[in-house]
PDB file of N, CA and C in Angstrom:
ATOM      1  N   MET A   1      -0.444  19.528  35.111  1.00  0.00           N
ATOM      2  CA  MET A   1      -1.271  18.647  34.311  1.00  0.00           C
ATOM      3  C   MET A   1      -0.792  18.720  32.867  1.00  0.00           C
ATOM      4  N   ALA A   2      -0.628  17.588  32.256  1.00  0.00           N
ATOM      5  CA  ALA A   2      -0.152  17.543  30.873  1.00  0.00           C
ATOM      6  C   ALA A   2      -1.204  18.075  29.922  1.00  0.00           C
ATOM      7  N   ARG A   3      -0.730  18.705  28.865  1.00  0.00           N
ATOM      8  CA  ARG A   3      -1.660  19.224  27.862  1.00  0.00           C
ATOM      9  C   ARG A   3      -2.248  18.064  27.070  1.00  0.00           C
ATOM     10  N   MET A   4      -3.506  18.216  26.734  1.00  0.00           N
ATOM     11  CA  MET A   4      -4.153  17.200  25.912  1.00  0.00           C
ATOM     12  C   MET A   4      -3.656  17.349  24.483  1.00  0.00           C
ATOM     13  N   SER A   5      -3.396  16.249  23.846  1.00  0.00           N
ATOM     14  CA  SER A   5      -2.970  16.324  22.452  1.00  0.00           C
ATOM     15  C   SER A   5      -4.108  16.881  21.611  1.00  0.00           C
ATOM     16  N   SER A   6      -3.781  17.393  20.456  1.00  0.00           N
ATOM     17  CA  SER A   6      -4.804  17.952  19.584  1.00  0.00           C
ATOM     18  C   SER A   6      -5.805  16.891  19.150  1.00  0.00           C
ATOM     19  N   MET A   7      -5.427  15.626  19.284  1.00  0.00           N
ATOM     20  CA  MET A   7      -6.310  14.538  18.888  1.00  0.00           C
ATOM     21  C   MET A   7      -7.493  14.395  19.845  1.00  0.00           C
ATOM     22  N   PHE A   8      -7.338  14.823  21.087  1.00  0.00           N
ATOM     23  CA  PHE A   8      -8.379  14.626  22.087  1.00  0.00           C
ATOM     24  C   PHE A   8      -8.787  15.951  22.715  1.00  0.00           C
ATOM     25  N   ARG A   9      -9.301  16.843  21.936  1.00  0.00           N
ATOM     26  CA  ARG A   9      -9.765  18.124  22.451  1.00  0.00           C
ATOM     27  C   ARG A   9     -11.081  17.963  23.183  1.00  0.00           C
ATOM     28  N   ARG A  10     -11.401  18.942  23.976  1.00  0.00           N
ATOM     29  CA  ARG A  10     -12.658  18.960  24.720  1.00  0.00           C
ATOM     30  C   ARG A  10     -13.841  18.753  23.777  1.00  0.00           C
ATOM     31  N   GLY A  11     -14.740  17.861  24.163  1.00  0.00           N
ATOM     32  CA  GLY A  11     -15.932  17.611  23.387  1.00  0.00           C
ATOM     33  C   GLY A  11     -15.769  16.590  22.270  1.00  0.00           C
ATOM     34  N   GLU A  12     -14.552  16.201  21.976  1.00  0.00           N
ATOM     35  CA  GLU A  12     -14.342  15.207  20.928  1.00  0.00           C
ATOM     36  C   GLU A  12     -14.380  13.822  21.557  1.00  0.00           C
ATOM     37  N   ARG A  13     -14.934  12.907  20.793  1.00  0.00           N
ATOM     38  CA  ARG A  13     -14.952  11.522  21.254  1.00  0.00           C
ATOM     39  C   ARG A  13     -14.097  10.690  20.331  1.00  0.00           C
ATOM     40  N   ARG A  14     -13.348   9.830  20.907  1.00  0.00           N
ATOM     41  CA  ARG A  14     -12.541   8.912  20.108  1.00  0.00           C
ATOM     42  C   ARG A  14     -13.421   7.701  19.802  1.00  0.00           C
ATOM     43  N   THR A  15     -13.614   7.439  18.533  1.00  0.00           N
ATOM     44  CA  THR A  15     -14.430   6.301  18.143  1.00  0.00           C
ATOM     45  C   THR A  15     -13.643   5.407  17.208  1.00  0.00           C
ATOM     46  N   GLU A  16     -13.884   4.137  17.331  1.00  0.00           N
ATOM     47  CA  GLU A  16     -13.254   3.174  16.442  1.00  0.00           C
ATOM     48  C   GLU A  16     -14.129   3.015  15.226  1.00  0.00           C
ATOM     49  N   ARG A  17     -13.509   3.024  14.080  1.00  0.00           N
ATOM     50  CA  ARG A  17     -14.252   2.759  12.854  1.00  0.00           C
ATOM     51  C   ARG A  17     -14.385   1.256  12.716  1.00  0.00           C
ATOM     52  N   LYS A  18     -15.584   0.829  12.422  1.00  0.00           N
ATOM     53  CA  LYS A  18     -15.833  -0.590  12.230  1.00  0.00           C
ATOM     54  C   LYS A  18     -16.075  -0.850  10.756  1.00  0.00           C
ATOM     55  N   ALA A  19     -15.669  -2.014  10.320  1.00  0.00           N
ATOM     56  CA  ALA A  19     -15.969  -2.439   8.959  1.00  0.00           C
ATOM     57  C   ALA A  19     -17.480  -2.657   8.857  1.00  0.00           C
ATOM     58  N   PRO A  20     -18.070  -2.457   7.674  1.00  0.00           N
ATOM     59  CA  PRO A  20     -19.516  -2.628   7.532  1.00  0.00           C
ATOM     60  C   PRO A  20     -20.027  -3.967   8.055  1.00  0.00           C
ATOM     61  N   ALA A  21     -19.293  -5.034   7.812  1.00  0.00           N
ATOM     62  CA  ALA A  21     -19.735  -6.358   8.258  1.00  0.00           C
ATOM     63  C   ALA A  21     -19.718  -6.511   9.776  1.00  0.00           C
ATOM     64  N   GLU A  22     -19.016  -5.610  10.468  1.00  0.00           N
ATOM     65  CA  GLU A  22     -18.952  -5.653  11.934  1.00  0.00           C
ATOM     66  C   GLU A  22     -20.047  -4.819  12.585  1.00  0.00           C
ATOM     67  N   ARG A  23     -20.807  -4.073  11.790  1.00  0.00           N
ATOM     68  CA  ARG A  23     -21.887  -3.246  12.302  1.00  0.00           C
ATOM     69  C   ARG A  23     -23.155  -4.084  12.369  1.00  0.00           C
ATOM     70  N   LEU A  24     -24.175  -3.600  13.065  1.00  0.00           N
ATOM     71  CA  LEU A  24     -25.469  -4.267  13.082  1.00  0.00           C
ATOM     72  C   LEU A  24     -26.559  -3.221  13.280  1.00  0.00           C
ATOM     73  N   VAL A  25     -27.513  -3.240  12.370  1.00  0.00           N
ATOM     74  CA  VAL A  25     -28.691  -2.390  12.493  1.00  0.00           C
ATOM     75  C   VAL A  25     -29.848  -3.276  12.927  1.00  0.00           C
ATOM     76  N   THR A  26     -30.567  -2.850  13.947  1.00  0.00           N
ATOM     77  CA  THR A  26     -31.718  -3.589  14.437  1.00  0.00           C
ATOM     78  C   THR A  26     -32.957  -2.722  14.258  1.00  0.00           C
ATOM     79  N   LEU A  27     -33.957  -3.264  13.581  1.00  0.00           N
ATOM     80  CA  LEU A  27     -35.236  -2.584  13.413  1.00  0.00           C
ATOM     81  C   LEU A  27     -36.235  -3.238  14.348  1.00  0.00           C
ATOM     82  N   ILE A  28     -36.778  -2.449  15.256  1.00  0.00           N
ATOM     83  CA  ILE A  28     -37.765  -2.954  16.214  1.00  0.00           C
ATOM     84  C   ILE A  28     -39.121  -2.397  15.806  1.00  0.00           C
ATOM     85  N   GLY A  29     -40.064  -3.293  15.583  1.00  0.00           N
ATOM     86  CA  GLY A  29     -41.385  -2.860  15.137  1.00  0.00           C
ATOM     87  C   GLY A  29     -42.459  -3.841  15.545  1.00  0.00           C
ATOM     88  N   LYS A  30     -43.590  -3.749  14.841  1.00  0.00           N
ATOM     89  CA  LYS A  30     -44.703  -4.662  15.103  1.00  0.00           C
ATOM     90  C   LYS A  30     -45.492  -4.843  13.815  1.00  0.00           C
ATOM     91  N   PRO A  31     -46.221  -5.947  13.707  1.00  0.00           N
ATOM     92  CA  PRO A  31     -47.022  -6.205  12.508  1.00  0.00           C
ATOM     93  C   PRO A  31     -48.123  -5.149  12.345  1.00  0.00           C
ATOM     94  N   GLY A  32     -48.431  -4.835  11.084  1.00  0.00           N
ATOM     95  CA  GLY A  32     -49.523  -3.908  10.805  1.00  0.00           C
ATOM     96  C   GLY A  32     -49.173  -2.451  10.998  1.00  0.00           C
ATOM     97  N   CYS A  33     -47.915  -2.136  11.178  1.00  0.00           N
ATOM     98  CA  CYS A  33     -47.457  -0.765  11.433  1.00  0.00           C
ATOM     99  C   CYS A  33     -46.897  -0.194  10.132  1.00  0.00           C
ATOM    100  N   HIS A  34     -47.591   0.788   9.552  1.00  0.00           N
ATOM    101  CA  HIS A  34     -47.120   1.339   8.279  1.00  0.00           C
ATOM    102  C   HIS A  34     -45.793   2.081   8.426  1.00  0.00           C
ATOM    103  N   LEU A  35     -45.554   2.711   9.569  1.00  0.00           N
ATOM    104  CA  LEU A  35     -44.262   3.367   9.785  1.00  0.00           C
ATOM    105  C   LEU A  35     -43.133   2.339   9.857  1.00  0.00           C
ATOM    106  N   CYS A  36     -43.446   1.170  10.407  1.00  0.00           N
ATOM    107  CA  CYS A  36     -42.449   0.088  10.469  1.00  0.00           C
ATOM    108  C   CYS A  36     -42.109  -0.401   9.064  1.00  0.00           C
ATOM    109  N   ASP A  37     -43.123  -0.511   8.216  1.00  0.00           N
ATOM    110  CA  ASP A  37     -42.887  -0.922   6.830  1.00  0.00           C
ATOM    111  C   ASP A  37     -42.019   0.105   6.105  1.00  0.00           C
ATOM    112  N   ASP A  38     -42.320   1.396   6.311  1.00  0.00           N
ATOM    113  CA  ASP A  38     -41.512   2.459   5.704  1.00  0.00           C
ATOM    114  C   ASP A  38     -40.069   2.397   6.205  1.00  0.00           C
ATOM    115  N   ALA A  39     -39.908   2.217   7.516  1.00  0.00           N
ATOM    116  CA  ALA A  39     -38.578   2.145   8.116  1.00  0.00           C
ATOM    117  C   ALA A  39     -37.806   0.955   7.563  1.00  0.00           C
ATOM    118  N   GLN A  40     -38.476  -0.171   7.388  1.00  0.00           N
ATOM    119  CA  GLN A  40     -37.807  -1.356   6.867  1.00  0.00           C
ATOM    120  C   GLN A  40     -37.277  -1.104   5.460  1.00  0.00           C
ATOM    121  N   GLY A  41     -38.029  -0.394   4.648  1.00  0.00           N
ATOM    122  CA  GLY A  41     -37.562  -0.077   3.303  1.00  0.00           C
ATOM    123  C   GLY A  41     -36.274   0.724   3.324  1.00  0.00           C
ATOM    124  N   VAL A  42     -36.183   1.703   4.218  1.00  0.00           N
ATOM    125  CA  VAL A  42     -34.979   2.529   4.335  1.00  0.00           C
ATOM    126  C   VAL A  42     -33.819   1.696   4.868  1.00  0.00           C
ATOM    127  N   VAL A  43     -34.066   0.927   5.910  1.00  0.00           N
ATOM    128  CA  VAL A  43     -33.012   0.099   6.514  1.00  0.00           C
ATOM    129  C   VAL A  43     -32.479  -0.907   5.498  1.00  0.00           C
ATOM    130  N   GLU A  44     -33.378  -1.582   4.791  1.00  0.00           N
ATOM    131  CA  GLU A  44     -32.950  -2.558   3.782  1.00  0.00           C
ATOM    132  C   GLU A  44     -32.069  -1.903   2.722  1.00  0.00           C
ATOM    133  N   LYS A  45     -32.488  -0.751   2.223  1.00  0.00           N
ATOM    134  CA  LYS A  45     -31.744  -0.064   1.163  1.00  0.00           C
ATOM    135  C   LYS A  45     -30.357   0.365   1.633  1.00  0.00           C
ATOM    136  N   VAL A  46     -30.307   1.053   2.773  1.00  0.00           N
ATOM    137  CA  VAL A  46     -29.028   1.565   3.275  1.00  0.00           C
ATOM    138  C   VAL A  46     -28.085   0.413   3.615  1.00  0.00           C
ATOM    139  N   CYS A  47     -28.586  -0.583   4.293  1.00  0.00           N
ATOM    140  CA  CYS A  47     -27.731  -1.708   4.681  1.00  0.00           C
ATOM    141  C   CYS A  47     -27.235  -2.480   3.469  1.00  0.00           C
ATOM    142  N   ALA A  48     -28.075  -2.652   2.465  1.00  0.00           N
ATOM    143  CA  ALA A  48     -27.647  -3.336   1.245  1.00  0.00           C
ATOM    144  C   ALA A  48     -26.571  -2.522   0.527  1.00  0.00           C
ATOM    145  N   ASP A  49     -26.769  -1.216   0.440  1.00  0.00           N
ATOM    146  CA  ASP A  49     -25.795  -0.350  -0.225  1.00  0.00           C
ATOM    147  C   ASP A  49     -24.436  -0.370   0.470  1.00  0.00           C
ATOM    148  N   LEU A  50     -24.457  -0.418   1.809  1.00  0.00           N
ATOM    149  CA  LEU A  50     -23.215  -0.318   2.578  1.00  0.00           C
ATOM    150  C   LEU A  50     -22.638  -1.669   3.003  1.00  0.00           C
ATOM    151  N   GLY A  51     -23.377  -2.747   2.787  1.00  0.00           N
ATOM    152  CA  GLY A  51     -22.901  -4.073   3.199  1.00  0.00           C
ATOM    153  C   GLY A  51     -22.983  -4.296   4.695  1.00  0.00           C
ATOM    154  N   VAL A  52     -23.966  -3.670   5.333  1.00  0.00           N
ATOM    155  CA  VAL A  52     -24.143  -3.780   6.790  1.00  0.00           C
ATOM    156  C   VAL A  52     -25.270  -4.777   7.076  1.00  0.00           C
ATOM    157  N   PRO A  53     -25.043  -5.749   7.942  1.00  0.00           N
ATOM    158  CA  PRO A  53     -26.120  -6.672   8.305  1.00  0.00           C
ATOM    159  C   PRO A  53     -27.188  -5.971   9.146  1.00  0.00           C
ATOM    160  N   TRP A  54     -28.421  -6.476   9.033  1.00  0.00           N
ATOM    161  CA  TRP A  54     -29.494  -5.919   9.847  1.00  0.00           C
ATOM    162  C   TRP A  54     -30.425  -7.049  10.261  1.00  0.00           C
ATOM    163  N   GLU A  55     -31.186  -6.768  11.304  1.00  0.00           N
ATOM    164  CA  GLU A  55     -32.148  -7.737  11.823  1.00  0.00           C
ATOM    165  C   GLU A  55     -33.433  -7.016  12.173  1.00  0.00           C
ATOM    166  N   LYS A  56     -34.503  -7.778  12.239  1.00  0.00           N
ATOM    167  CA  LYS A  56     -35.812  -7.226  12.568  1.00  0.00           C
ATOM    168  C   LYS A  56     -36.330  -7.932  13.812  1.00  0.00           C
ATOM    169  N   LYS A  57     -36.823  -7.152  14.767  1.00  0.00           N
ATOM    170  CA  LYS A  57     -37.389  -7.718  15.992  1.00  0.00           C
ATOM    171  C   LYS A  57     -38.811  -7.198  16.157  1.00  0.00           C
ATOM    172  N   ASP A  58     -39.683  -8.060  16.660  1.00  0.00           N
ATOM    173  CA  ASP A  58     -41.105  -7.779  16.807  1.00  0.00           C
ATOM    174  C   ASP A  58     -41.429  -7.586  18.290  1.00  0.00           C
ATOM    175  N   ILE A  59     -41.939  -6.404  18.641  1.00  0.00           N
ATOM    176  CA  ILE A  59     -42.239  -6.151  20.062  1.00  0.00           C
ATOM    177  C   ILE A  59     -43.378  -7.008  20.587  1.00  0.00           C
ATOM    178  N   THR A  60     -44.186  -7.581  19.690  1.00  0.00           N
ATOM    179  CA  THR A  60     -45.278  -8.435  20.164  1.00  0.00           C
ATOM    180  C   THR A  60     -44.781  -9.815  20.563  1.00  0.00           C
ATOM    181  N   GLU A  61     -43.522 -10.116  20.255  1.00  0.00           N
ATOM    182  CA  GLU A  61     -42.940 -11.414  20.595  1.00  0.00           C
ATOM    183  C   GLU A  61     -41.887 -11.320  21.686  1.00  0.00           C
ATOM    184  N   ASP A  62     -41.666 -10.118  22.221  1.00  0.00           N
ATOM    185  CA  ASP A  62     -40.616  -9.921  23.222  1.00  0.00           C
ATOM    186  C   ASP A  62     -41.096  -8.892  24.237  1.00  0.00           C
ATOM    187  N   GLU A  63     -41.412  -9.358  25.444  1.00  0.00           N
ATOM    188  CA  GLU A  63     -41.976  -8.491  26.480  1.00  0.00           C
ATOM    189  C   GLU A  63     -41.038  -7.350  26.862  1.00  0.00           C
ATOM    190  N   GLU A  64     -39.747  -7.629  26.930  1.00  0.00           N
ATOM    191  CA  GLU A  64     -38.788  -6.592  27.292  1.00  0.00           C
ATOM    192  C   GLU A  64     -38.747  -5.481  26.237  1.00  0.00           C
ATOM    193  N   LEU A  65     -38.712  -5.863  24.972  1.00  0.00           N
ATOM    194  CA  LEU A  65     -38.738  -4.865  23.899  1.00  0.00           C
ATOM    195  C   LEU A  65     -40.058  -4.095  23.909  1.00  0.00           C
ATOM    196  N   HIS A  66     -41.148  -4.793  24.180  1.00  0.00           N
ATOM    197  CA  HIS A  66     -42.461  -4.135  24.240  1.00  0.00           C
ATOM    198  C   HIS A  66     -42.481  -3.063  25.324  1.00  0.00           C
ATOM    199  N   ARG A  67     -41.995  -3.404  26.504  1.00  0.00           N
ATOM    200  CA  ARG A  67     -41.956  -2.423  27.605  1.00  0.00           C
ATOM    201  C   ARG A  67     -41.078  -1.222  27.254  1.00  0.00           C
ATOM    202  N   ALA A  68     -39.967  -1.482  26.614  1.00  0.00           N
ATOM    203  CA  ALA A  68     -39.005  -0.414  26.330  1.00  0.00           C
ATOM    204  C   ALA A  68     -39.426   0.491  25.177  1.00  0.00           C
ATOM    205  N   TYR A  69     -40.088  -0.078  24.159  1.00  0.00           N
ATOM    206  CA  TYR A  69     -40.271   0.684  22.925  1.00  0.00           C
ATOM    207  C   TYR A  69     -41.701   0.800  22.411  1.00  0.00           C
ATOM    208  N   TRP A  70     -42.711   0.340  23.120  1.00  0.00           N
ATOM    209  CA  TRP A  70     -44.056   0.276  22.555  1.00  0.00           C
ATOM    210  C   TRP A  70     -44.586   1.622  22.075  1.00  0.00           C
ATOM    211  N   GLU A  71     -44.154   2.721  22.670  1.00  0.00           N
ATOM    212  CA  GLU A  71     -44.628   4.037  22.244  1.00  0.00           C
ATOM    213  C   GLU A  71     -43.798   4.636  21.113  1.00  0.00           C
ATOM    214  N   GLN A  72     -42.686   4.006  20.767  1.00  0.00           N
ATOM    215  CA  GLN A  72     -41.762   4.602  19.812  1.00  0.00           C
ATOM    216  C   GLN A  72     -41.634   3.853  18.491  1.00  0.00           C
ATOM    217  N   VAL A  73     -42.241   2.704  18.327  1.00  0.00           N
ATOM    218  CA  VAL A  73     -42.008   1.909  17.118  1.00  0.00           C
ATOM    219  C   VAL A  73     -42.395   2.671  15.865  1.00  0.00           C
ATOM    220  N   PRO A  74     -41.622   2.482  14.826  1.00  0.00           N
ATOM    221  CA  PRO A  74     -40.414   1.675  14.761  1.00  0.00           C
ATOM    222  C   PRO A  74     -39.220   2.373  15.413  1.00  0.00           C
ATOM    223  N   VAL A  75     -38.332   1.559  15.931  1.00  0.00           N
ATOM    224  CA  VAL A  75     -37.101   2.039  16.549  1.00  0.00           C
ATOM    225  C   VAL A  75     -35.945   1.396  15.785  1.00  0.00           C
ATOM    226  N   VAL A  76     -34.907   2.187  15.526  1.00  0.00           N
ATOM    227  CA  VAL A  76     -33.720   1.662  14.870  1.00  0.00           C
ATOM    228  C   VAL A  76     -32.544   1.785  15.830  1.00  0.00           C
ATOM    229  N   LEU A  77     -31.863   0.670  16.034  1.00  0.00           N
ATOM    230  CA  LEU A  77     -30.648   0.637  16.831  1.00  0.00           C
ATOM    231  C   LEU A  77     -29.468   0.449  15.894  1.00  0.00           C
ATOM    232  N   VAL A  78     -28.372   1.117  16.177  1.00  0.00           N
ATOM    233  CA  VAL A  78     -27.123   0.908  15.445  1.00  0.00           C
ATOM    234  C   VAL A  78     -26.115   0.402  16.463  1.00  0.00           C
ATOM    235  N   ASP A  79     -25.659  -0.807  16.262  1.00  0.00           N
ATOM    236  CA  ASP A  79     -24.724  -1.457  17.182  1.00  0.00           C
ATOM    237  C   ASP A  79     -25.255  -1.454  18.611  1.00  0.00           C
ATOM    238  N   GLY A  80     -26.555  -1.665  18.750  1.00  0.00           N
ATOM    239  CA  GLY A  80     -27.186  -1.782  20.060  1.00  0.00           C
ATOM    240  C   GLY A  80     -27.616  -0.484  20.711  1.00  0.00           C
ATOM    241  N   ALA A  81     -27.257   0.660  20.129  1.00  0.00           N
ATOM    242  CA  ALA A  81     -27.632   1.964  20.688  1.00  0.00           C
ATOM    243  C   ALA A  81     -28.761   2.566  19.849  1.00  0.00           C
ATOM    244  N   GLN A  82     -29.734   3.175  20.521  1.00  0.00           N
ATOM    245  CA  GLN A  82     -30.853   3.757  19.796  1.00  0.00           C
ATOM    246  C   GLN A  82     -30.377   4.868  18.866  1.00  0.00           C
ATOM    247  N   HIS A  83     -30.737   4.740  17.608  1.00  0.00           N
ATOM    248  CA  HIS A  83     -30.383   5.724  16.588  1.00  0.00           C
ATOM    249  C   HIS A  83     -31.551   6.669  16.330  1.00  0.00           C
ATOM    250  N   THR A  84     -32.746   6.120  16.173  1.00  0.00           N
ATOM    251  CA  THR A  84     -33.923   6.937  15.873  1.00  0.00           C
ATOM    252  C   THR A  84     -35.189   6.158  16.168  1.00  0.00           C
ATOM    253  N   PHE A  85     -36.320   6.839  16.068  1.00  0.00           N
ATOM    254  CA  PHE A  85     -37.608   6.173  16.175  1.00  0.00           C
ATOM    255  C   PHE A  85     -38.620   6.909  15.304  1.00  0.00           C
ATOM    256  N   TRP A  86     -39.726   6.270  15.056  1.00  0.00           N
ATOM    257  CA  TRP A  86     -40.828   6.713  14.200  1.00  0.00           C
ATOM    258  C   TRP A  86     -40.454   6.816  12.730  1.00  0.00           C
ATOM    259  N   ARG A  87     -39.636   7.766  12.357  1.00  0.00           N
ATOM    260  CA  ARG A  87     -39.263   7.926  10.948  1.00  0.00           C
ATOM    261  C   ARG A  87     -37.743   7.801  10.808  1.00  0.00           C
ATOM    262  N   VAL A  88     -37.314   7.074   9.779  1.00  0.00           N
ATOM    263  CA  VAL A  88     -35.891   6.842   9.558  1.00  0.00           C
ATOM    264  C   VAL A  88     -35.430   7.718   8.398  1.00  0.00           C
ATOM    265  N   ASP A  89     -34.468   8.582   8.671  1.00  0.00           N
ATOM    266  CA  ASP A  89     -33.893   9.430   7.652  1.00  0.00           C
ATOM    267  C   ASP A  89     -32.721   8.688   6.999  1.00  0.00           C
ATOM    268  N   GLU A  90     -32.833   8.465   5.707  1.00  0.00           N
ATOM    269  CA  GLU A  90     -31.825   7.675   4.992  1.00  0.00           C
ATOM    270  C   GLU A  90     -30.423   8.264   5.125  1.00  0.00           C
ATOM    271  N   GLN A  91     -30.279   9.557   4.929  1.00  0.00           N
ATOM    272  CA  GLN A  91     -28.953  10.176   4.989  1.00  0.00           C
ATOM    273  C   GLN A  91     -28.362  10.118   6.395  1.00  0.00           C
ATOM    274  N   ARG A  92     -29.201  10.314   7.399  1.00  0.00           N
ATOM    275  CA  ARG A  92     -28.718  10.252   8.791  1.00  0.00           C
ATOM    276  C   ARG A  92     -28.236   8.838   9.139  1.00  0.00           C
ATOM    277  N   LEU A  93     -28.975   7.829   8.667  1.00  0.00           N
ATOM    278  CA  LEU A  93     -28.565   6.449   8.926  1.00  0.00           C
ATOM    279  C   LEU A  93     -27.257   6.136   8.200  1.00  0.00           C
ATOM    280  N   ARG A  94     -27.135   6.582   6.955  1.00  0.00           N
ATOM    281  CA  ARG A  94     -25.875   6.379   6.216  1.00  0.00           C
ATOM    282  C   ARG A  94     -24.700   7.010   6.958  1.00  0.00           C
ATOM    283  N   LYS A  95     -24.897   8.224   7.444  1.00  0.00           N
ATOM    284  CA  LYS A  95     -23.839   8.923   8.168  1.00  0.00           C
ATOM    285  C   LYS A  95     -23.448   8.164   9.438  1.00  0.00           C
ATOM    286  N   ALA A  96     -24.439   7.683  10.168  1.00  0.00           N
ATOM    287  CA  ALA A  96     -24.159   6.928  11.400  1.00  0.00           C
ATOM    288  C   ALA A  96     -23.363   5.662  11.106  1.00  0.00           C
ATOM    289  N   LEU A  97     -23.662   5.016  10.005  1.00  0.00           N
ATOM    290  CA  LEU A  97     -22.973   3.770   9.666  1.00  0.00           C
ATOM    291  C   LEU A  97     -21.593   4.014   9.057  1.00  0.00           C
ATOM    292  N   ALA A  98     -21.383   5.194   8.534  1.00  0.00           N
ATOM    293  CA  ALA A  98     -20.083   5.518   7.939  1.00  0.00           C
ATOM    294  C   ALA A  98     -19.059   5.881   8.995  1.00  0.00           C
ATOM    295  N   GLY A  99     -19.518   6.332  10.158  1.00  0.00           N
ATOM    296  CA  GLY A  99     -18.604   6.796  11.197  1.00  0.00           C
ATOM    297  C   GLY A  99     -18.403   5.825  12.213  1.00  0.00           C
TER     298      GLY A  99
END
């Protein structure tokens, strides 16, 4: 068996770096949710600073999102994958978008 190059050691993942404009942050929430409002403030700030587009989705308008996330709102997705829920840490989101 050939040796793995040092670039692909055990436990390392090869990831493609995307330009900020190619990323997408999705905030899933609902009206009247103070945690959602707090999360939106963090998402808006980080995305504006980094030039990353973001979108907001309302679980009360989408049955599939409601079934998937009703206990976790707000939920933040980065490029379609769940990043966090309930509280958004600004530094953690910046790090996720930088890599």
